[in-house]
């Protein structure tokens, strides 16, 4: 499936509707829940795309490389494989920033092709992968947008700016609602379904629910979605990230009573939890389940 066949009117509507904000356990260390990012970045992205300009819609937003000095490198890479990695002829590994594969079943990687790689991490990660942005060397299309729009990958914010994440999140929303790729048989669990969430341990997932309380210890902020802290779903945020989240428009303390959608890797510790390290991992929802 070509990206230009996927990024359509539905995705434009999703971008216009986006307005992300952000979402722990209590002072006794009990369980909690999760946050989102501002709509302005998505609007600016739309304004930058001339009507009918399909190639522009698939290209990398300038915000993704703003203030970065690393040049693009010409690479011939095969991939992605089931882990989402790309490999060159020498066996060096490359990963796309802020993406996580949704289908982890074994399947052959795409054959080697000419790509352009922009390193945004500066050094390899613990799996010796270089992390960055990948573009098609021929038409300049952004591979990450194609992966997300086709439902083969989800968005897990970590390194990219809100303006760079906006089109990825919009494409994921469109793919999820259309049931494309892995979203065809994946239902977003509710925070009130801890057993269902626990079965997703070790996997990427979205979770939706209403924050019943916001707790805090010296090192951690907790979003609680239930009263049985050792069993219910919880979202944790490092207390040292409070100012960073506030600067992104996400007041964690104000999430009490809010309906949110959180994204991340499900872990289990006194019930299922998701650790949030980036404000774009949390979205505030209105009554209709759309971003606001």
C-alpha atoms as a PDB file:
ATOM      1  CA  UNK A   1       0.000   0.000   0.000  1.00  0.00           C
ATOM      2  CA  UNK A   2       1.456   3.360  -1.047  1.00  0.00           C
ATOM      3  CA  UNK A   3       1.454   6.204   1.432  1.00  0.00           C
ATOM      4  CA  UNK A   4      -0.080   8.606  -1.049  1.00  0.00           C
ATOM      5  CA  UNK A   5      -3.099   6.250  -1.192  1.00  0.00           C
ATOM      6  CA  UNK A   6      -3.396   6.348   2.607  1.00  0.00           C
ATOM      7  CA  UNK A   7      -2.905   9.997   3.602  1.00  0.00           C
ATOM      8  CA  UNK A   8      -6.301  11.327   2.612  1.00  0.00           C
ATOM      9  CA  UNK A   9      -9.169  13.543   3.670  1.00  0.00           C
ATOM     10  CA  UNK A  10      -9.718  11.504   6.868  1.00  0.00           C
ATOM     11  CA  UNK A  11      -6.160  12.197   7.999  1.00  0.00           C
ATOM     12  CA  UNK A  12      -6.583  15.898   7.294  1.00  0.00           C
ATOM     13  CA  UNK A  13      -9.706  15.930   9.467  1.00  0.00           C
ATOM     14  CA  UNK A  14      -7.834  14.103  12.211  1.00  0.00           C
ATOM     15  CA  UNK A  15      -5.007  16.636  12.124  1.00  0.00           C
ATOM     16  CA  UNK A  16      -7.480  19.486  12.427  1.00  0.00           C
ATOM     17  CA  UNK A  17      -9.140  17.799  15.400  1.00  0.00           C
ATOM     18  CA  UNK A  18      -5.911  17.094  17.270  1.00  0.00           C
ATOM     19  CA  UNK A  19      -5.153  18.942  20.507  1.00  0.00           C
ATOM     20  CA  UNK A  20      -2.885  16.844  22.739  1.00  0.00           C
ATOM     21  CA  UNK A  21      -2.383  17.304  26.474  1.00  0.00           C
ATOM     22  CA  UNK A  22      -0.902  14.997  29.172  1.00  0.00           C
ATOM     23  CA  UNK A  23      -1.733  12.476  32.152  1.00  0.00           C
ATOM     24  CA  UNK A  24       0.505   7.788  38.673  1.00  0.00           C
ATOM     25  CA  UNK A  25       0.034   6.314  42.199  1.00  0.00           C
ATOM     26  CA  UNK A  26      -0.582   8.182  45.411  1.00  0.00           C
ATOM     27  CA  UNK A  27       1.795   9.283  48.119  1.00  0.00           C
ATOM     28  CA  UNK A  28       1.679   5.761  49.543  1.00  0.00           C
ATOM     29  CA  UNK A  29       2.909   4.383  46.217  1.00  0.00           C
ATOM     30  CA  UNK A  30      -0.511   3.293  44.945  1.00  0.00           C
ATOM     31  CA  UNK A  31      -1.552   2.974  41.306  1.00  0.00           C
ATOM     32  CA  UNK A  32      -2.605   5.665  38.662  1.00  0.00           C
ATOM     33  CA  UNK A  33      -3.090   6.649  34.941  1.00  0.00           C
ATOM     34  CA  UNK A  34      -1.968   9.010  31.910  1.00  0.00           C
ATOM     35  CA  UNK A  35      -1.467  12.620  29.138  1.00  0.00           C
ATOM     36  CA  UNK A  36      -1.451  14.580  25.135  1.00  0.00           C
ATOM     37  CA  UNK A  37       0.255  17.581  23.007  1.00  0.00           C
ATOM     38  CA  UNK A  38      -1.050  20.873  21.479  1.00  0.00           C
ATOM     39  CA  UNK A  39      -3.081  21.157  18.292  1.00  0.00           C
ATOM     40  CA  UNK A  40      -1.076  24.112  16.907  1.00  0.00           C
ATOM     41  CA  UNK A  41       1.666  21.898  15.504  1.00  0.00           C
ATOM     42  CA  UNK A  42      -0.865  19.919  13.498  1.00  0.00           C
ATOM     43  CA  UNK A  43      -2.503  23.084  12.180  1.00  0.00           C
ATOM     44  CA  UNK A  44       0.849  24.520  11.119  1.00  0.00           C
ATOM     45  CA  UNK A  45       1.620  21.270   9.341  1.00  0.00           C
ATOM     46  CA  UNK A  46      -1.645  21.477   7.392  1.00  0.00           C
ATOM     47  CA  UNK A  47      -1.086  25.113   6.450  1.00  0.00           C
ATOM     48  CA  UNK A  48       2.312  24.181   5.048  1.00  0.00           C
ATOM     49  CA  UNK A  49       0.754  21.651   2.636  1.00  0.00           C
ATOM     50  CA  UNK A  50      -0.639  23.160  -0.578  1.00  0.00           C
ATOM     51  CA  UNK A  51      -3.975  21.748  -1.732  1.00  0.00           C
ATOM     52  CA  UNK A  52      -3.495  18.723  -3.960  1.00  0.00           C
ATOM     53  CA  UNK A  53       0.222  18.406  -3.230  1.00  0.00           C
ATOM     54  CA  UNK A  54       0.467  14.664  -2.517  1.00  0.00           C
ATOM     55  CA  UNK A  55       4.246  14.522  -2.405  1.00  0.00           C
ATOM     56  CA  UNK A  56       4.356  17.356   0.133  1.00  0.00           C
ATOM     57  CA  UNK A  57       2.051  15.341   2.406  1.00  0.00           C
ATOM     58  CA  UNK A  58       4.468  12.394   2.452  1.00  0.00           C
ATOM     59  CA  UNK A  59       7.609  14.437   3.019  1.00  0.00           C
ATOM     60  CA  UNK A  60       9.428  15.151   6.241  1.00  0.00           C
ATOM     61  CA  UNK A  61       8.256  18.327   8.069  1.00  0.00           C
ATOM     62  CA  UNK A  62      11.041  20.883   8.464  1.00  0.00           C
ATOM     63  CA  UNK A  63      10.439  20.838  12.233  1.00  0.00           C
ATOM     64  CA  UNK A  64      11.857  17.303  12.382  1.00  0.00           C
ATOM     65  CA  UNK A  65      15.367  18.474  11.507  1.00  0.00           C
ATOM     66  CA  UNK A  66      15.268  21.977  13.003  1.00  0.00           C
ATOM     67  CA  UNK A  67      18.340  22.771  15.127  1.00  0.00           C
ATOM     68  CA  UNK A  68      19.986  19.480  14.167  1.00  0.00           C
ATOM     69  CA  UNK A  69      23.440  19.622  12.593  1.00  0.00           C
ATOM     70  CA  UNK A  70      23.873  15.978  11.513  1.00  0.00           C
ATOM     71  CA  UNK A  71      23.729  15.671   7.695  1.00  0.00           C
ATOM     72  CA  UNK A  72      21.645  13.121   5.819  1.00  0.00           C
ATOM     73  CA  UNK A  73      23.590   9.997   4.869  1.00  0.00           C
ATOM     74  CA  UNK A  74      22.966   7.943   1.728  1.00  0.00           C
ATOM     75  CA  UNK A  75      22.415   4.328   2.799  1.00  0.00           C
ATOM     76  CA  UNK A  76      21.337   1.101   1.135  1.00  0.00           C
ATOM     77  CA  UNK A  77      19.260  -0.683   3.760  1.00  0.00           C
ATOM     78  CA  UNK A  78      17.016  -3.727   3.999  1.00  0.00           C
ATOM     79  CA  UNK A  79      13.990  -3.608   6.279  1.00  0.00           C
ATOM     80  CA  UNK A  80      12.086  -3.109   8.377  1.00  0.00           C
ATOM     81  CA  UNK A  81      12.197  -6.543   9.997  1.00  0.00           C
ATOM     82  CA  UNK A  82       9.822  -7.839  12.696  1.00  0.00           C
ATOM     83  CA  UNK A  83      11.581  -5.610  15.260  1.00  0.00           C
ATOM     84  CA  UNK A  84      11.285  -2.559  13.027  1.00  0.00           C
ATOM     85  CA  UNK A  85      15.040  -2.488  12.338  1.00  0.00           C
ATOM     86  CA  UNK A  86      16.891  -1.816   9.081  1.00  0.00           C
ATOM     87  CA  UNK A  87      20.244  -3.400   8.202  1.00  0.00           C
ATOM     88  CA  UNK A  88      23.054  -2.500   5.797  1.00  0.00           C
ATOM     89  CA  UNK A  89      25.363  -4.946   3.987  1.00  0.00           C
ATOM     90  CA  UNK A  90      27.840  -4.835   6.891  1.00  0.00           C
ATOM     91  CA  UNK A  91      25.182  -5.781   9.441  1.00  0.00           C
ATOM     92  CA  UNK A  92      24.874  -2.332  11.050  1.00  0.00           C
ATOM     93  CA  UNK A  93      21.429  -1.661  12.512  1.00  0.00           C
ATOM     94  CA  UNK A  94      19.241   1.419  12.019  1.00  0.00           C
ATOM     95  CA  UNK A  95      15.926   2.250  13.721  1.00  0.00           C
ATOM     96  CA  UNK A  96      13.244   4.845  13.010  1.00  0.00           C
ATOM     97  CA  UNK A  97      12.751   7.331  15.839  1.00  0.00           C
ATOM     98  CA  UNK A  98       9.587   7.093  17.952  1.00  0.00           C
ATOM     99  CA  UNK A  99       8.103   4.092  16.136  1.00  0.00           C
ATOM    100  CA  UNK A 100       7.237   0.642  17.473  1.00  0.00           C
ATOM    101  CA  UNK A 101       6.217  -2.286  15.245  1.00  0.00           C
ATOM    102  CA  UNK A 102       2.648  -3.459  15.764  1.00  0.00           C
ATOM    103  CA  UNK A 103       2.992  -6.801  13.996  1.00  0.00           C
ATOM    104  CA  UNK A 104       5.870  -8.735  15.590  1.00  0.00           C
ATOM    105  CA  UNK A 105       5.193 -12.028  13.821  1.00  0.00           C
ATOM    106  CA  UNK A 106       8.116 -13.351  11.801  1.00  0.00           C
ATOM    107  CA  UNK A 107       8.062 -12.131   8.207  1.00  0.00           C
ATOM    108  CA  UNK A 108      10.810 -11.393   5.667  1.00  0.00           C
ATOM    109  CA  UNK A 109      12.259  -7.889   5.669  1.00  0.00           C
ATOM    110  CA  UNK A 110      11.888  -5.799   2.533  1.00  0.00           C
ATOM    111  CA  UNK A 111      14.879  -6.089   0.170  1.00  0.00           C
ATOM    112  CA  UNK A 112      17.664  -3.520   0.268  1.00  0.00           C
ATOM    113  CA  UNK A 113      16.821  -0.131  -1.204  1.00  0.00           C
ATOM    114  CA  UNK A 114      18.383   3.311  -1.402  1.00  0.00           C
ATOM    115  CA  UNK A 115      17.445   5.467   1.569  1.00  0.00           C
ATOM    116  CA  UNK A 116      18.597   8.650   3.272  1.00  0.00           C
ATOM    117  CA  UNK A 117      19.277   8.487   7.012  1.00  0.00           C
ATOM    118  CA  UNK A 118      19.399  11.387   9.471  1.00  0.00           C
ATOM    119  CA  UNK A 119      20.864  10.459  12.889  1.00  0.00           C
ATOM    120  CA  UNK A 120      19.045  12.209  15.747  1.00  0.00           C
ATOM    121  CA  UNK A 121      20.443  10.234  18.686  1.00  0.00           C
ATOM    122  CA  UNK A 122      24.167  10.889  18.275  1.00  0.00           C
ATOM    123  CA  UNK A 123      25.197   7.409  19.416  1.00  0.00           C
ATOM    124  CA  UNK A 124      23.897   3.834  19.154  1.00  0.00           C
ATOM    125  CA  UNK A 125      21.379   2.546  21.676  1.00  0.00           C
ATOM    126  CA  UNK A 126      21.893  -0.509  23.916  1.00  0.00           C
ATOM    127  CA  UNK A 127      21.033  -2.798  21.003  1.00  0.00           C
ATOM    128  CA  UNK A 128      23.718  -1.021  18.939  1.00  0.00           C
ATOM    129  CA  UNK A 129      21.144   0.579  16.651  1.00  0.00           C
ATOM    130  CA  UNK A 130      21.501   4.085  15.226  1.00  0.00           C
ATOM    131  CA  UNK A 131      18.197   5.914  15.654  1.00  0.00           C
ATOM    132  CA  UNK A 132      16.942   8.602  13.305  1.00  0.00           C
ATOM    133  CA  UNK A 133      14.777   9.532  10.330  1.00  0.00           C
ATOM    134  CA  UNK A 134      14.624   7.553   7.076  1.00  0.00           C
ATOM    135  CA  UNK A 135      13.554   8.927   3.701  1.00  0.00           C
ATOM    136  CA  UNK A 136      13.165   7.234   0.334  1.00  0.00           C
ATOM    137  CA  UNK A 137      16.146   8.346  -1.771  1.00  0.00           C
ATOM    138  CA  UNK A 138      13.960   8.506  -4.874  1.00  0.00           C
ATOM    139  CA  UNK A 139      10.864  10.526  -3.988  1.00  0.00           C
ATOM    140  CA  UNK A 140      11.921  11.830  -0.545  1.00  0.00           C
ATOM    141  CA  UNK A 141       8.917  10.272   1.195  1.00  0.00           C
ATOM    142  CA  UNK A 142       9.160   9.733   4.948  1.00  0.00           C
ATOM    143  CA  UNK A 143       9.173   6.001   5.678  1.00  0.00           C
ATOM    144  CA  UNK A 144       7.789   6.418   9.201  1.00  0.00           C
ATOM    145  CA  UNK A 145       4.623   8.062   7.897  1.00  0.00           C
ATOM    146  CA  UNK A 146       4.053   5.175   5.502  1.00  0.00           C
ATOM    147  CA  UNK A 147       4.583   2.575   8.259  1.00  0.00           C
ATOM    148  CA  UNK A 148       2.146   4.320  10.617  1.00  0.00           C
ATOM    149  CA  UNK A 149      -0.502   5.100   7.989  1.00  0.00           C
ATOM    150  CA  UNK A 150      -0.528   1.458   6.878  1.00  0.00           C
ATOM    151  CA  UNK A 151      -1.047   0.180  10.432  1.00  0.00           C
ATOM    152  CA  UNK A 152       2.309  -1.588  10.552  1.00  0.00           C
ATOM    153  CA  UNK A 153       3.748   0.667  13.270  1.00  0.00           C
ATOM    154  CA  UNK A 154       2.537   2.720  16.219  1.00  0.00           C
ATOM    155  CA  UNK A 155       3.857   6.016  17.549  1.00  0.00           C
ATOM    156  CA  UNK A 156       5.801   5.960  20.832  1.00  0.00           C
ATOM    157  CA  UNK A 157       7.005   9.544  21.500  1.00  0.00           C
ATOM    158  CA  UNK A 158      10.547   9.768  22.858  1.00  0.00           C
ATOM    159  CA  UNK A 159      12.845  12.001  20.836  1.00  0.00           C
ATOM    160  CA  UNK A 160      10.796  13.885  18.241  1.00  0.00           C
ATOM    161  CA  UNK A 161       9.286  17.333  18.764  1.00  0.00           C
ATOM    162  CA  UNK A 162       5.496  17.872  18.943  1.00  0.00           C
ATOM    163  CA  UNK A 163       5.513  19.452  15.461  1.00  0.00           C
ATOM    164  CA  UNK A 164       7.330  16.427  14.058  1.00  0.00           C
ATOM    165  CA  UNK A 165       5.038  13.974  15.868  1.00  0.00           C
ATOM    166  CA  UNK A 166       1.785  15.665  14.748  1.00  0.00           C
ATOM    167  CA  UNK A 167       1.488  14.077  11.271  1.00  0.00           C
ATOM    168  CA  UNK A 168       2.513  10.672  12.656  1.00  0.00           C
ATOM    169  CA  UNK A 169      -0.137  10.770  15.375  1.00  0.00           C
ATOM    170  CA  UNK A 170      -2.767  11.920  12.877  1.00  0.00           C
ATOM    171  CA  UNK A 171      -1.861   9.109  10.475  1.00  0.00           C
ATOM    172  CA  UNK A 172      -2.056   6.578  13.325  1.00  0.00           C
ATOM    173  CA  UNK A 173      -5.489   7.863  14.351  1.00  0.00           C
ATOM    174  CA  UNK A 174      -6.747   7.471  10.802  1.00  0.00           C
ATOM    175  CA  UNK A 175      -5.255   3.983  10.437  1.00  0.00           C
ATOM    176  CA  UNK A 176      -6.715   2.867  13.782  1.00  0.00           C
ATOM    177  CA  UNK A 177     -10.205   4.114  13.017  1.00  0.00           C
ATOM    178  CA  UNK A 178     -10.079   2.511   9.566  1.00  0.00           C
ATOM    179  CA  UNK A 179      -8.807  -0.788  11.012  1.00  0.00           C
ATOM    180  CA  UNK A 180      -5.718  -0.874   8.811  1.00  0.00           C
ATOM    181  CA  UNK A 181      -2.933  -3.392   9.360  1.00  0.00           C
ATOM    182  CA  UNK A 182      -2.536  -4.526  12.967  1.00  0.00           C
ATOM    183  CA  UNK A 183      -5.380  -2.233  14.060  1.00  0.00           C
ATOM    184  CA  UNK A 184      -7.857  -4.543  12.295  1.00  0.00           C
ATOM    185  CA  UNK A 185      -7.997  -6.868  15.305  1.00  0.00           C
ATOM    186  CA  UNK A 186      -6.796  -4.643  18.133  1.00  0.00           C
ATOM    187  CA  UNK A 187      -9.315  -2.987  20.446  1.00  0.00           C
ATOM    188  CA  UNK A 188      -8.061  -0.170  22.662  1.00  0.00           C
ATOM    189  CA  UNK A 189      -8.580  -1.473  26.218  1.00  0.00           C
ATOM    190  CA  UNK A 190     -10.254   0.585  28.905  1.00  0.00           C
ATOM    191  CA  UNK A 191      -8.339   1.468  32.082  1.00  0.00           C
ATOM    192  CA  UNK A 192     -11.146  -0.298  33.970  1.00  0.00           C
ATOM    193  CA  UNK A 193     -10.034  -3.615  32.403  1.00  0.00           C
ATOM    194  CA  UNK A 194      -6.757  -4.370  34.230  1.00  0.00           C
ATOM    195  CA  UNK A 195      -6.828  -8.080  33.334  1.00  0.00           C
ATOM    196  CA  UNK A 196      -7.077  -7.254  29.640  1.00  0.00           C
ATOM    197  CA  UNK A 197      -4.222  -4.757  29.899  1.00  0.00           C
ATOM    198  CA  UNK A 198      -2.068  -7.235  31.848  1.00  0.00           C
ATOM    199  CA  UNK A 199      -2.294  -9.680  28.947  1.00  0.00           C
ATOM    200  CA  UNK A 200      -0.539  -7.022  26.839  1.00  0.00           C
ATOM    201  CA  UNK A 201       2.541  -6.918  29.124  1.00  0.00           C
ATOM    202  CA  UNK A 202       5.676  -6.237  27.114  1.00  0.00           C
ATOM    203  CA  UNK A 203       3.717  -4.865  24.164  1.00  0.00           C
ATOM    204  CA  UNK A 204       2.825  -1.394  22.927  1.00  0.00           C
ATOM    205  CA  UNK A 205      -0.764  -0.365  23.545  1.00  0.00           C
ATOM    206  CA  UNK A 206      -3.133   2.542  23.893  1.00  0.00           C
ATOM    207  CA  UNK A 207      -5.316   2.631  27.018  1.00  0.00           C
ATOM    208  CA  UNK A 208      -8.312   4.904  27.616  1.00  0.00           C
ATOM    209  CA  UNK A 209      -9.924   5.852  30.900  1.00  0.00           C
ATOM    210  CA  UNK A 210     -10.782   8.516  33.460  1.00  0.00           C
ATOM    211  CA  UNK A 211      -8.194   9.543  36.042  1.00  0.00           C
ATOM    212  CA  UNK A 212      -9.674   9.057  39.500  1.00  0.00           C
ATOM    213  CA  UNK A 213      -6.772  10.647  41.333  1.00  0.00           C
ATOM    214  CA  UNK A 214      -3.258  12.030  40.980  1.00  0.00           C
ATOM    215  CA  UNK A 215      -0.728  10.878  43.564  1.00  0.00           C
ATOM    216  CA  UNK A 216       2.865  11.861  44.214  1.00  0.00           C
ATOM    217  CA  UNK A 217       5.924  10.558  45.990  1.00  0.00           C
ATOM    218  CA  UNK A 218       9.310  12.211  46.107  1.00  0.00           C
ATOM    219  CA  UNK A 219      10.344  10.684  42.790  1.00  0.00           C
ATOM    220  CA  UNK A 220       7.137   9.741  40.984  1.00  0.00           C
ATOM    221  CA  UNK A 221       3.789  11.154  39.901  1.00  0.00           C
ATOM    222  CA  UNK A 222       0.936   8.651  39.645  1.00  0.00           C
ATOM    223  CA  UNK A 223      -2.275   8.692  37.672  1.00  0.00           C
ATOM    224  CA  UNK A 224      -4.721   6.345  39.384  1.00  0.00           C
ATOM    225  CA  UNK A 225      -7.616   4.797  37.432  1.00  0.00           C
ATOM    226  CA  UNK A 226      -9.030   2.675  40.227  1.00  0.00           C
ATOM    227  CA  UNK A 227      -9.111   2.322  44.006  1.00  0.00           C
ATOM    228  CA  UNK A 228      -7.431  -1.107  44.196  1.00  0.00           C
ATOM    229  CA  UNK A 229      -3.897   0.177  43.741  1.00  0.00           C
ATOM    230  CA  UNK A 230      -2.292  -3.264  43.721  1.00  0.00           C
ATOM    231  CA  UNK A 231      -4.532  -4.492  40.909  1.00  0.00           C
ATOM    232  CA  UNK A 232      -5.765  -1.530  38.872  1.00  0.00           C
ATOM    233  CA  UNK A 233      -4.095   0.163  35.917  1.00  0.00           C
ATOM    234  CA  UNK A 234      -1.650   2.992  36.720  1.00  0.00           C
ATOM    235  CA  UNK A 235       0.397   5.555  34.806  1.00  0.00           C
ATOM    236  CA  UNK A 236       3.681   6.762  36.261  1.00  0.00           C
ATOM    237  CA  UNK A 237       5.654   9.907  35.427  1.00  0.00           C
ATOM    238  CA  UNK A 238       9.010  10.925  36.855  1.00  0.00           C
ATOM    239  CA  UNK A 239       8.535  13.873  39.238  1.00  0.00           C
ATOM    240  CA  UNK A 240      11.571  15.518  37.626  1.00  0.00           C
ATOM    241  CA  UNK A 241       9.596  15.765  34.353  1.00  0.00           C
ATOM    242  CA  UNK A 242       6.882  17.992  35.852  1.00  0.00           C
ATOM    243  CA  UNK A 243       8.289  21.238  34.414  1.00  0.00           C
ATOM    244  CA  UNK A 244       8.939  19.694  31.000  1.00  0.00           C
ATOM    245  CA  UNK A 245       5.339  18.489  30.821  1.00  0.00           C
ATOM    246  CA  UNK A 246       4.026  21.864  31.996  1.00  0.00           C
ATOM    247  CA  UNK A 247       6.046  23.621  29.282  1.00  0.00           C
ATOM    248  CA  UNK A 248       4.352  21.349  26.735  1.00  0.00           C
ATOM    249  CA  UNK A 249       0.935  22.394  28.067  1.00  0.00           C
ATOM    250  CA  UNK A 250       0.329  19.362  30.250  1.00  0.00           C
ATOM    251  CA  UNK A 251      -0.408  20.064  33.911  1.00  0.00           C
ATOM    252  CA  UNK A 252      -0.285  16.598  35.471  1.00  0.00           C
ATOM    253  CA  UNK A 253      -2.069  17.683  38.665  1.00  0.00           C
ATOM    254  CA  UNK A 254      -4.985  18.986  36.580  1.00  0.00           C
ATOM    255  CA  UNK A 255      -5.626  15.556  35.084  1.00  0.00           C
ATOM    256  CA  UNK A 256      -7.684  14.387  38.055  1.00  0.00           C
ATOM    257  CA  UNK A 257     -11.163  13.644  36.721  1.00  0.00           C
ATOM    258  CA  UNK A 258     -10.053  13.904  33.096  1.00  0.00           C
ATOM    259  CA  UNK A 259     -10.707  11.265  30.434  1.00  0.00           C
ATOM    260  CA  UNK A 260      -7.405  10.475  28.730  1.00  0.00           C
ATOM    261  CA  UNK A 261      -5.728   8.130  26.281  1.00  0.00           C
ATOM    262  CA  UNK A 262      -2.199   6.999  27.138  1.00  0.00           C
ATOM    263  CA  UNK A 263       0.267   5.144  24.923  1.00  0.00           C
ATOM    264  CA  UNK A 264       3.331   3.114  25.823  1.00  0.00           C
ATOM    265  CA  UNK A 265       4.759  -0.302  26.668  1.00  0.00           C
ATOM    266  CA  UNK A 266       2.630  -2.180  29.200  1.00  0.00           C
ATOM    267  CA  UNK A 267       4.483  -3.339  32.311  1.00  0.00           C
ATOM    268  CA  UNK A 268       3.296  -5.191  35.397  1.00  0.00           C
ATOM    269  CA  UNK A 269       4.095  -4.096  38.965  1.00  0.00           C
ATOM    270  CA  UNK A 270       1.250  -4.124  41.489  1.00  0.00           C
ATOM    271  CA  UNK A 271      -1.093  -4.283  38.510  1.00  0.00           C
ATOM    272  CA  UNK A 272      -0.548  -3.146  34.917  1.00  0.00           C
ATOM    273  CA  UNK A 273       1.146   0.190  34.322  1.00  0.00           C
ATOM    274  CA  UNK A 274       2.598   2.387  31.598  1.00  0.00           C
ATOM    275  CA  UNK A 275       5.574   4.635  32.269  1.00  0.00           C
ATOM    276  CA  UNK A 276       5.255   8.013  30.572  1.00  0.00           C
ATOM    277  CA  UNK A 277       8.389   9.998  29.742  1.00  0.00           C
ATOM    278  CA  UNK A 278       7.103  12.261  26.939  1.00  0.00           C
ATOM    279  CA  UNK A 279       4.049  14.554  27.194  1.00  0.00           C
ATOM    280  CA  UNK A 280       2.762  13.388  23.812  1.00  0.00           C
ATOM    281  CA  UNK A 281       2.139   9.947  25.322  1.00  0.00           C
ATOM    282  CA  UNK A 282      -0.991  11.393  26.924  1.00  0.00           C
ATOM    283  CA  UNK A 283      -4.058  12.824  25.201  1.00  0.00           C
ATOM    284  CA  UNK A 284      -7.060  14.371  26.918  1.00  0.00           C
ATOM    285  CA  UNK A 285     -10.333  13.170  25.437  1.00  0.00           C
ATOM    286  CA  UNK A 286     -13.761  14.730  25.171  1.00  0.00           C
ATOM    287  CA  UNK A 287     -17.058  12.855  25.474  1.00  0.00           C
ATOM    288  CA  UNK A 288     -16.766  11.532  21.930  1.00  0.00           C
ATOM    289  CA  UNK A 289     -13.320  10.034  22.478  1.00  0.00           C
ATOM    290  CA  UNK A 290     -11.640  12.546  20.180  1.00  0.00           C
ATOM    291  CA  UNK A 291      -8.651  14.695  21.078  1.00  0.00           C
ATOM    292  CA  UNK A 292      -9.349  18.132  22.429  1.00  0.00           C
END
